[in-house]
PDB file of N, CA and C in Angstrom:
ATOM      1  N   MET A   1      53.422 -51.889  -2.686  1.00  0.00           N
ATOM      2  CA  MET A   1      52.255 -51.641  -2.194  1.00  0.00           C
ATOM      3  C   MET A   1      52.475 -51.296  -0.581  1.00  0.00           C
ATOM      4  N   PHE A   2      53.254 -50.857   0.655  1.00  0.00           N
ATOM      5  CA  PHE A   2      53.492 -50.665   1.354  1.00  0.00           C
ATOM      6  C   PHE A   2      53.333 -48.952   1.340  1.00  0.00           C
ATOM      7  N   LYS A   3      54.476 -48.554   0.714  1.00  0.00           N
ATOM      8  CA  LYS A   3      54.604 -47.305   0.576  1.00  0.00           C
ATOM      9  C   LYS A   3      53.289 -46.472   0.169  1.00  0.00           C
ATOM     10  N   PHE A   4      52.109 -47.491  -0.490  1.00  0.00           N
ATOM     11  CA  PHE A   4      51.330 -46.433  -1.151  1.00  0.00           C
ATOM     12  C   PHE A   4      50.058 -46.387   0.078  1.00  0.00           C
ATOM     13  N   LEU A   5      50.091 -47.583   0.518  1.00  0.00           N
ATOM     14  CA  LEU A   5      49.194 -47.340   2.144  1.00  0.00           C
ATOM     15  C   LEU A   5      49.937 -46.732   3.037  1.00  0.00           C
ATOM     16  N   ALA A   6      50.568 -46.629   3.100  1.00  0.00           N
ATOM     17  CA  ALA A   6      51.620 -45.654   4.148  1.00  0.00           C
ATOM     18  C   ALA A   6      50.890 -43.890   3.759  1.00  0.00           C
ATOM     19  N   ARG A   7      51.687 -43.972   2.226  1.00  0.00           N
ATOM     20  CA  ARG A   7      51.299 -42.615   1.754  1.00  0.00           C
ATOM     21  C   ARG A   7      49.277 -41.790   2.010  1.00  0.00           C
ATOM     22  N   LEU A   8      48.833 -43.200   1.886  1.00  0.00           N
ATOM     23  CA  LEU A   8      47.161 -43.388   2.096  1.00  0.00           C
ATOM     24  C   LEU A   8      46.802 -43.121   3.697  1.00  0.00           C
ATOM     25  N   GLY A   9      47.369 -43.098   4.325  1.00  0.00           N
ATOM     26  CA  GLY A   9      47.176 -43.062   5.903  1.00  0.00           C
ATOM     27  C   GLY A   9      47.106 -41.200   6.213  1.00  0.00           C
ATOM     28  N   ARG A  10      48.590 -41.633   5.410  1.00  0.00           N
ATOM     29  CA  ARG A  10      48.617 -39.825   5.663  1.00  0.00           C
ATOM     30  C   ARG A  10      47.650 -38.388   5.513  1.00  0.00           C
ATOM     31  N   ASP A  11      47.170 -39.048   4.101  1.00  0.00           N
ATOM     32  CA  ASP A  11      46.363 -38.589   3.282  1.00  0.00           C
ATOM     33  C   ASP A  11      45.269 -37.427   3.671  1.00  0.00           C
ATOM     34  N   THR A  12      45.221 -36.236   4.368  1.00  0.00           N
ATOM     35  CA  THR A  12      44.050 -35.912   5.237  1.00  0.00           C
ATOM     36  C   THR A  12      42.686 -34.899   4.491  1.00  0.00           C
ATOM     37  N   LYS A  13      43.094 -35.077   2.920  1.00  0.00           N
ATOM     38  CA  LYS A  13      42.548 -34.361   1.990  1.00  0.00           C
ATOM     39  C   LYS A  13      40.713 -34.746   2.230  1.00  0.00           C
ATOM     40  N   GLY A  14      40.767 -36.245   2.162  1.00  0.00           N
ATOM     41  CA  GLY A  14      39.492 -36.467   2.213  1.00  0.00           C
ATOM     42  C   GLY A  14      38.537 -36.328   3.756  1.00  0.00           C
ATOM     43  N   ALA A  15      39.372 -35.507   4.873  1.00  0.00           N
ATOM     44  CA  ALA A  15      38.822 -36.200   6.146  1.00  0.00           C
ATOM     45  C   ALA A  15      37.895 -34.742   6.317  1.00  0.00           C
ATOM     46  N   THR A  16      38.275 -33.799   5.511  1.00  0.00           N
ATOM     47  CA  THR A  16      37.500 -32.236   5.229  1.00  0.00           C
ATOM     48  C   THR A  16      36.379 -32.448   4.607  1.00  0.00           C
ATOM     49  N   ALA A  17      36.346 -33.355   3.316  1.00  0.00           N
ATOM     50  CA  ALA A  17      35.114 -34.010   2.727  1.00  0.00           C
ATOM     51  C   ALA A  17      34.024 -34.308   3.907  1.00  0.00           C
ATOM     52  N   VAL A  18      34.678 -35.340   4.259  1.00  0.00           N
ATOM     53  CA  VAL A  18      33.810 -36.068   5.232  1.00  0.00           C
ATOM     54  C   VAL A  18      33.133 -35.089   6.804  1.00  0.00           C
ATOM     55  N   GLU A  19      33.909 -34.317   7.069  1.00  0.00           N
ATOM     56  CA  GLU A  19      33.702 -33.485   8.040  1.00  0.00           C
ATOM     57  C   GLU A  19      32.294 -32.558   7.734  1.00  0.00           C
ATOM     58  N   TYR A  20      32.585 -32.067   6.431  1.00  0.00           N
ATOM     59  CA  TYR A  20      31.642 -31.387   5.855  1.00  0.00           C
ATOM     60  C   TYR A  20      30.142 -32.006   5.904  1.00  0.00           C
ATOM     61  N   GLY A  21      30.253 -33.086   5.002  1.00  0.00           N
ATOM     62  CA  GLY A  21      29.022 -34.177   4.926  1.00  0.00           C
ATOM     63  C   GLY A  21      28.363 -34.497   6.591  1.00  0.00           C
ATOM     64  N   LEU A  22      29.443 -34.739   7.268  1.00  0.00           N
ATOM     65  CA  LEU A  22      28.948 -34.783   8.198  1.00  0.00           C
ATOM     66  C   LEU A  22      28.040 -33.802   8.791  1.00  0.00           C
ATOM     67  N   ILE A  23      28.592 -32.924   9.203  1.00  0.00           N
ATOM     68  CA  ILE A  23      27.781 -31.097   9.225  1.00  0.00           C
ATOM     69  C   ILE A  23      26.464 -30.770   8.706  1.00  0.00           C
ATOM     70  N   LEU A  24      26.604 -30.664   7.421  1.00  0.00           N
ATOM     71  CA  LEU A  24      25.804 -31.267   6.606  1.00  0.00           C
ATOM     72  C   LEU A  24      24.275 -31.989   6.578  1.00  0.00           C
ATOM     73  N   ALA A  25      24.529 -33.365   6.952  1.00  0.00           N
ATOM     74  CA  ALA A  25      23.913 -34.195   7.586  1.00  0.00           C
ATOM     75  C   ALA A  25      23.284 -33.571   8.924  1.00  0.00           C
ATOM     76  N   LEU A  26      23.772 -32.983   9.934  1.00  0.00           N
ATOM     77  CA  LEU A  26      22.882 -32.247  11.583  1.00  0.00           C
ATOM     78  C   LEU A  26      21.883 -31.428  10.843  1.00  0.00           C
ATOM     79  N   VAL A  27      22.940 -31.123   9.848  1.00  0.00           N
ATOM     80  CA  VAL A  27      21.911 -29.573   9.728  1.00  0.00           C
ATOM     81  C   VAL A  27      20.370 -29.783   8.929  1.00  0.00           C
ATOM     82  N   PHE A  28      20.533 -30.746   7.724  1.00  0.00           N
ATOM     83  CA  PHE A  28      19.369 -31.492   7.441  1.00  0.00           C
ATOM     84  C   PHE A  28      18.826 -32.247   8.275  1.00  0.00           C
ATOM     85  N   LEU A  29      18.870 -32.956   9.216  1.00  0.00           N
ATOM     86  CA  LEU A  29      18.447 -33.740  10.003  1.00  0.00           C
ATOM     87  C   LEU A  29      17.396 -32.426  11.437  1.00  0.00           C
ATOM     88  N   ALA A  30      18.306 -31.416  11.849  1.00  0.00           N
ATOM     89  CA  ALA A  30      17.304 -30.074  12.369  1.00  0.00           C
ATOM     90  C   ALA A  30      16.266 -29.652  11.191  1.00  0.00           C
ATOM     91  N   MET A  31      16.577 -29.454  10.417  1.00  0.00           N
ATOM     92  CA  MET A  31      15.887 -29.176   9.306  1.00  0.00           C
ATOM     93  C   MET A  31      14.752 -29.228   9.591  1.00  0.00           C
ATOM     94  N   VAL A  32      14.924 -30.786   9.063  1.00  0.00           N
ATOM     95  CA  VAL A  32      13.153 -32.216   8.847  1.00  0.00           C
ATOM     96  C   VAL A  32      12.572 -31.943  10.545  1.00  0.00           C
ATOM     97  N   GLY A  33      13.656 -31.969  11.775  1.00  0.00           N
ATOM     98  CA  GLY A  33      12.995 -32.156  12.875  1.00  0.00           C
ATOM     99  C   GLY A  33      12.010 -31.011  13.009  1.00  0.00           C
ATOM    100  N   ALA A  34      13.073 -29.687  12.944  1.00  0.00           N
ATOM    101  CA  ALA A  34      11.677 -28.401  12.968  1.00  0.00           C
ATOM    102  C   ALA A  34      10.510 -28.409  11.972  1.00  0.00           C
ATOM    103  N   ALA A  35      10.640 -29.171  10.741  1.00  0.00           N
ATOM    104  CA  ALA A  35       9.677 -28.763   9.803  1.00  0.00           C
ATOM    105  C   ALA A  35       8.543 -29.667  10.342  1.00  0.00           C
ATOM    106  N   THR A  36       8.791 -30.964  10.857  1.00  0.00           N
ATOM    107  CA  THR A  36       7.912 -31.649  11.240  1.00  0.00           C
ATOM    108  C   THR A  36       6.925 -31.200  12.710  1.00  0.00           C
ATOM    109  N   THR A  37       8.006 -30.561  13.254  1.00  0.00           N
ATOM    110  CA  THR A  37       7.702 -29.716  14.883  1.00  0.00           C
ATOM    111  C   THR A  37       6.312 -28.929  14.242  1.00  0.00           C
ATOM    112  N   LEU A  38       6.674 -27.960  13.606  1.00  0.00           N
ATOM    113  CA  LEU A  38       5.632 -27.192  13.223  1.00  0.00           C
ATOM    114  C   LEU A  38       4.811 -27.720  12.751  1.00  0.00           C
ATOM    115  N   GLY A  39       5.057 -28.801  11.385  1.00  0.00           N
ATOM    116  CA  GLY A  39       3.733 -29.450  11.180  1.00  0.00           C
ATOM    117  C   GLY A  39       2.702 -29.557  11.985  1.00  0.00           C
ATOM    118  N   VAL A  40       3.273 -30.296  12.951  1.00  0.00           N
ATOM    119  CA  VAL A  40       2.343 -31.153  13.762  1.00  0.00           C
ATOM    120  C   VAL A  40       1.750 -29.832  14.525  1.00  0.00           C
ATOM    121  N   GLN A  41       2.444 -28.576  14.948  1.00  0.00           N
ATOM    122  CA  GLN A  41       1.613 -28.049  15.658  1.00  0.00           C
ATOM    123  C   GLN A  41       0.687 -26.932  14.909  1.00  0.00           C
ATOM    124  N   ALA A  42       0.494 -26.695  14.027  1.00  0.00           N
ATOM    125  CA  ALA A  42      -0.070 -25.994  12.825  1.00  0.00           C
ATOM    126  C   ALA A  42      -1.168 -26.908  12.660  1.00  0.00           C
ATOM    127  N   THR A  43      -0.703 -28.456  12.644  1.00  0.00           N
ATOM    128  CA  THR A  43      -2.139 -29.139  12.355  1.00  0.00           C
ATOM    129  C   THR A  43      -3.086 -28.926  13.453  1.00  0.00           C
ATOM    130  N   ASN A  44      -2.542 -28.891  14.842  1.00  0.00           N
ATOM    131  CA  ASN A  44      -2.995 -29.055  16.054  1.00  0.00           C
ATOM    132  C   ASN A  44      -3.522 -27.321  16.327  1.00  0.00           C
ATOM    133  N   MET A  45      -3.528 -26.859  15.936  1.00  0.00           N
ATOM    134  CA  MET A  45      -3.534 -25.627  15.879  1.00  0.00           C
ATOM    135  C   MET A  45      -4.910 -24.721  14.886  1.00  0.00           C
ATOM    136  N   TRP A  46      -4.764 -25.956  13.238  1.00  0.00           N
ATOM    137  CA  TRP A  46      -6.253 -25.740  13.146  1.00  0.00           C
ATOM    138  C   TRP A  46      -7.279 -26.493  13.218  1.00  0.00           C
ATOM    139  N   ASN A  47      -6.983 -27.999  13.691  1.00  0.00           N
ATOM    140  CA  ASN A  47      -7.730 -28.272  14.315  1.00  0.00           C
ATOM    141  C   ASN A  47      -8.849 -28.147  16.192  1.00  0.00           C
ATOM    142  N   MET A  48      -7.955 -27.463  16.472  1.00  0.00           N
ATOM    143  CA  MET A  48      -8.623 -26.544  17.484  1.00  0.00           C
ATOM    144  C   MET A  48      -9.127 -25.537  17.129  1.00  0.00           C
ATOM    145  N   ILE A  49      -9.107 -24.987  16.081  1.00  0.00           N
ATOM    146  CA  ILE A  49      -9.855 -23.742  15.415  1.00  0.00           C
ATOM    147  C   ILE A  49     -11.074 -24.353  15.022  1.00  0.00           C
ATOM    148  N   SER A  50     -11.026 -25.215  14.458  1.00  0.00           N
ATOM    149  CA  SER A  50     -12.351 -26.075  13.823  1.00  0.00           C
ATOM    150  C   SER A  50     -13.392 -25.949  14.408  1.00  0.00           C
ATOM    151  N   ASN A  51     -12.324 -27.239  15.576  1.00  0.00           N
ATOM    152  CA  ASN A  51     -13.476 -27.827  16.769  1.00  0.00           C
ATOM    153  C   ASN A  51     -14.484 -26.240  17.384  1.00  0.00           C
ATOM    154  N   VAL A  52     -13.503 -25.243  17.733  1.00  0.00           N
ATOM    155  CA  VAL A  52     -14.112 -24.404  18.395  1.00  0.00           C
ATOM    156  C   VAL A  52     -15.154 -23.533  17.220  1.00  0.00           C
ATOM    157  N   VAL A  53     -15.289 -23.439  15.984  1.00  0.00           N
ATOM    158  CA  VAL A  53     -15.951 -23.161  15.044  1.00  0.00           C
ATOM    159  C   VAL A  53     -17.156 -24.336  15.288  1.00  0.00           C
ATOM    160  N   THR A  54     -16.373 -25.285  14.997  1.00  0.00           N
ATOM    161  CA  THR A  54     -18.147 -26.495  15.398  1.00  0.00           C
ATOM    162  C   THR A  54     -18.902 -25.920  16.301  1.00  0.00           C
ATOM    163  N   SER A  55     -18.353 -25.788  17.067  1.00  0.00           N
ATOM    164  CA  SER A  55     -19.151 -26.079  18.373  1.00  0.00           C
ATOM    165  C   SER A  55     -19.431 -24.807  18.809  1.00  0.00           C
ATOM    166  N   SER A  56     -19.568 -23.548  18.249  1.00  0.00           N
ATOM    167  CA  SER A  56     -20.072 -22.149  18.398  1.00  0.00           C
ATOM    168  C   SER A  56     -21.217 -22.279  17.212  1.00  0.00           C
ATOM    169  N   SER A  57     -21.460 -23.011  16.581  1.00  0.00           N
ATOM    170  CA  SER A  57     -22.415 -23.117  15.297  1.00  0.00           C
ATOM    171  C   SER A  57     -23.574 -23.714  15.887  1.00  0.00           C
TER     172      SER A  57
END
């Protein structure tokens, strides 16, 4: 059992997969943040246009 645990402790095959998973998670969070910001800015722009058109009528 000790040999198995020692070999498992030296194994680095899964570390690369974990690193790629963390990078993917960070990219996903950045994309969600960018999409949220873009959505808020687009909504504000359309509200401003709507207010301008309503007030000029």
